[in-house]
Amino acid sequence: MKKIHLRIVTPDRTVVDTPVDMVGAVGSEGAFTILPGHIDFLTDLRSDALWYRYEGQTREMAVSGGFIEVKPNHVRVLADSAEYLEEIDVERAQLAFKRNQDLLVQARAAGQSGTDKEQIRQLNASLTRAAVRLKLATKKVKR
């Protein structure tokens, strides 16, 4: 079977750099799957799950933000963060979700007194990242 080379990079590390059978992710236009020979495209990534099939097994990770570039022979992902399911600490994910939820409620309540829209946007993004991590961490626990 033909392979497509997947490289996932964050500001901290190279997470994946290997040939795979297929890749799936969620961009601004929705979910998509990439196979070897796919047409070129570039899109932003949503904070969500990214998965790939490698040696008969599917690996999943939480990614937040960034871009994905697809060429017929390779996929490059530049993400703000990327964590495999097994790297996610469920308790930390729950605490981060609750903390971000509380901060967002406080910021919205203060919004009438001039809370910065950018601050609320950043808190929304942080809450989404925490929710994705929590969703995937919980999935890991159920397995």
Protein backbone atom coordinates (compact mmCIF):
# COMPACT_ATOMS: atom_id res chain seq x y z
CA MET A 1 0.00 0.00 0.00
CA LYS A 2 1.23 3.50 -0.81
CA LYS A 3 2.14 5.78 2.08
CA ILE A 4 1.99 9.50 2.68
CA HIS A 5 4.63 11.17 4.84
CA LEU A 6 3.18 12.88 7.93
CA ARG A 7 5.09 15.52 9.87
CA ILE A 8 3.48 17.23 12.86
CA VAL A 9 5.42 20.07 14.46
CA THR A 10 4.61 22.29 17.45
CA PRO A 11 6.69 25.17 18.80
CA ASP A 12 8.16 22.70 21.34
CA ARG A 13 8.84 19.56 19.33
CA THR A 14 8.38 17.38 16.30
CA VAL A 15 5.53 15.09 17.35
CA VAL A 16 5.34 12.83 14.28
CA ASP A 17 7.67 12.37 11.33
CA THR A 18 6.83 9.10 9.57
CA PRO A 19 5.10 7.52 6.56
CA VAL A 20 1.42 6.69 7.27
CA ASP A 21 -1.53 5.16 5.42
CA MET A 22 -3.99 8.03 5.97
CA VAL A 23 -4.60 11.17 8.04
CA GLY A 24 -7.81 12.73 9.35
CA ALA A 25 -8.32 16.17 10.86
CA VAL A 26 -10.86 18.96 11.31
CA GLY A 27 -10.39 22.27 9.54
CA SER A 28 -12.49 25.39 9.27
CA GLU A 29 -14.67 23.74 6.59
CA GLY A 30 -15.17 20.50 8.54
CA ALA A 31 -13.57 17.07 8.89
CA PHE A 32 -11.48 15.54 6.11
CA THR A 33 -9.38 12.45 5.39
CA ILE A 34 -6.15 12.46 3.41
CA LEU A 35 -4.84 9.49 1.43
CA PRO A 36 -1.63 9.16 -0.61
CA GLY A 37 -1.95 11.04 -3.90
CA HIS A 38 -4.36 13.65 -2.46
CA ILE A 39 -4.57 16.97 -4.29
CA ASP A 40 -2.73 19.96 -2.86
CA PHE A 41 -4.49 22.09 -0.31
CA LEU A 42 -3.82 24.27 2.71
CA THR A 43 -6.27 24.96 5.52
CA ASP A 44 -6.37 26.01 9.13
CA LEU A 45 -6.93 23.43 11.86
CA ARG A 46 -9.61 23.60 14.50
CA SER A 47 -8.86 22.54 18.04
CA ASP A 48 -10.01 18.95 17.75
CA ALA A 49 -8.78 15.41 17.24
CA LEU A 50 -6.26 14.56 14.55
CA TRP A 51 -5.79 10.90 13.72
CA TYR A 52 -3.65 8.78 11.45
CA ARG A 53 -3.35 5.12 10.51
CA TYR A 54 0.14 3.67 10.94
CA GLU A 55 1.10 -0.01 10.67
CA GLY A 56 -2.52 -1.14 11.04
CA GLN A 57 -3.25 0.98 14.12
CA THR A 58 -5.04 4.28 14.45
CA ARG A 59 -3.33 6.93 16.60
CA GLU A 60 -5.27 9.95 17.88
CA MET A 61 -4.12 13.20 19.34
CA ALA A 62 -5.56 16.50 20.46
CA VAL A 63 -4.34 19.41 18.36
CA SER A 64 -5.02 23.05 18.90
CA GLY A 65 -4.86 25.59 16.19
CA GLY A 66 -2.40 25.78 13.37
CA PHE A 67 -2.36 24.79 9.74
CA ILE A 68 -2.19 21.67 7.61
CA GLU A 69 -0.53 21.57 4.21
CA VAL A 70 -1.33 18.62 1.95
CA LYS A 71 0.68 17.51 -1.07
CA PRO A 72 0.32 14.20 -2.94
CA ASN A 73 3.25 12.64 -1.03
CA HIS A 74 3.24 14.46 2.30
CA VAL A 75 1.18 16.18 4.97
CA ARG A 76 2.69 18.91 7.14
CA VAL A 77 0.96 20.06 10.29
CA LEU A 78 2.06 23.17 12.15
CA ALA A 79 0.05 23.16 15.37
CA ASP A 80 0.06 25.32 18.47
CA SER A 81 0.00 22.09 20.50
CA ALA A 82 -0.41 18.36 19.88
CA GLU A 83 -0.78 15.61 22.49
CA TYR A 84 -1.41 11.91 22.10
CA LEU A 85 -4.34 10.55 24.11
CA GLU A 86 -1.99 8.73 26.46
CA GLU A 87 -0.14 12.00 27.19
CA ILE A 88 -3.28 13.76 28.45
CA ASP A 89 -3.73 13.82 32.21
CA VAL A 90 -7.50 13.53 32.87
CA GLU A 91 -7.39 15.44 36.18
CA ARG A 92 -5.37 18.29 34.66
CA ALA A 93 -7.74 18.38 31.68
CA GLN A 94 -10.75 18.63 34.01
CA LEU A 95 -9.12 21.40 36.07
CA ALA A 96 -8.15 23.36 32.94
CA PHE A 97 -11.67 23.06 31.56
CA LYS A 98 -13.26 24.26 34.82
CA ARG A 99 -10.73 27.09 35.24
CA ASN A 100 -11.24 28.33 31.66
CA GLN A 101 -15.01 28.05 32.01
CA ASP A 102 -14.95 30.16 35.20
CA LEU A 103 -12.62 32.76 33.65
CA LEU A 104 -14.86 33.06 30.60
CA VAL A 105 -17.97 33.56 32.74
CA GLN A 106 -16.14 36.27 34.73
CA ALA A 107 -14.87 37.97 31.56
CA ARG A 108 -18.33 37.98 29.98
CA ALA A 109 -19.86 39.39 33.17
CA ALA A 110 -17.21 42.11 33.18
CA GLY A 111 -17.77 42.64 29.44
CA GLN A 112 -20.27 45.36 30.05
CA SER A 113 -17.60 47.26 31.93
CA GLY A 114 -15.15 47.08 29.04
CA THR A 115 -13.53 43.62 29.01
CA ASP A 116 -11.41 43.34 25.92
CA LYS A 117 -13.01 41.34 23.07
CA GLU A 118 -9.59 39.83 22.35
CA GLN A 119 -9.42 38.54 25.93
CA ILE A 120 -12.80 36.84 25.51
CA ARG A 121 -11.69 35.37 22.16
CA GLN A 122 -8.55 33.97 23.81
CA LEU A 123 -10.56 32.54 26.70
CA ASN A 124 -12.98 30.91 24.23
CA ALA A 125 -10.01 29.35 22.40
CA SER A 126 -8.54 28.11 25.70
CA LEU A 127 -11.88 26.63 26.73
CA THR A 128 -12.19 24.85 23.38
CA ARG A 129 -8.67 23.40 23.72
CA ALA A 130 -9.46 22.23 27.24
CA ALA A 131 -12.76 20.68 26.08
CA VAL A 132 -11.01 18.76 23.27
CA ARG A 133 -8.32 17.49 25.64
CA LEU A 134 -10.98 16.45 28.16
CA LYS A 135 -13.08 14.71 25.49
CA LEU A 136 -10.07 12.74 24.23
CA ALA A 137 -8.74 12.04 27.73
CA THR A 138 -12.14 10.65 28.71
CA LYS A 139 -12.17 8.53 25.56
CA LYS A 140 -8.76 7.16 26.59
CA VAL A 141 -10.07 6.19 30.03
CA LYS A 142 -13.06 4.31 28.54
CA ARG A 143 -10.86 2.06 26.38
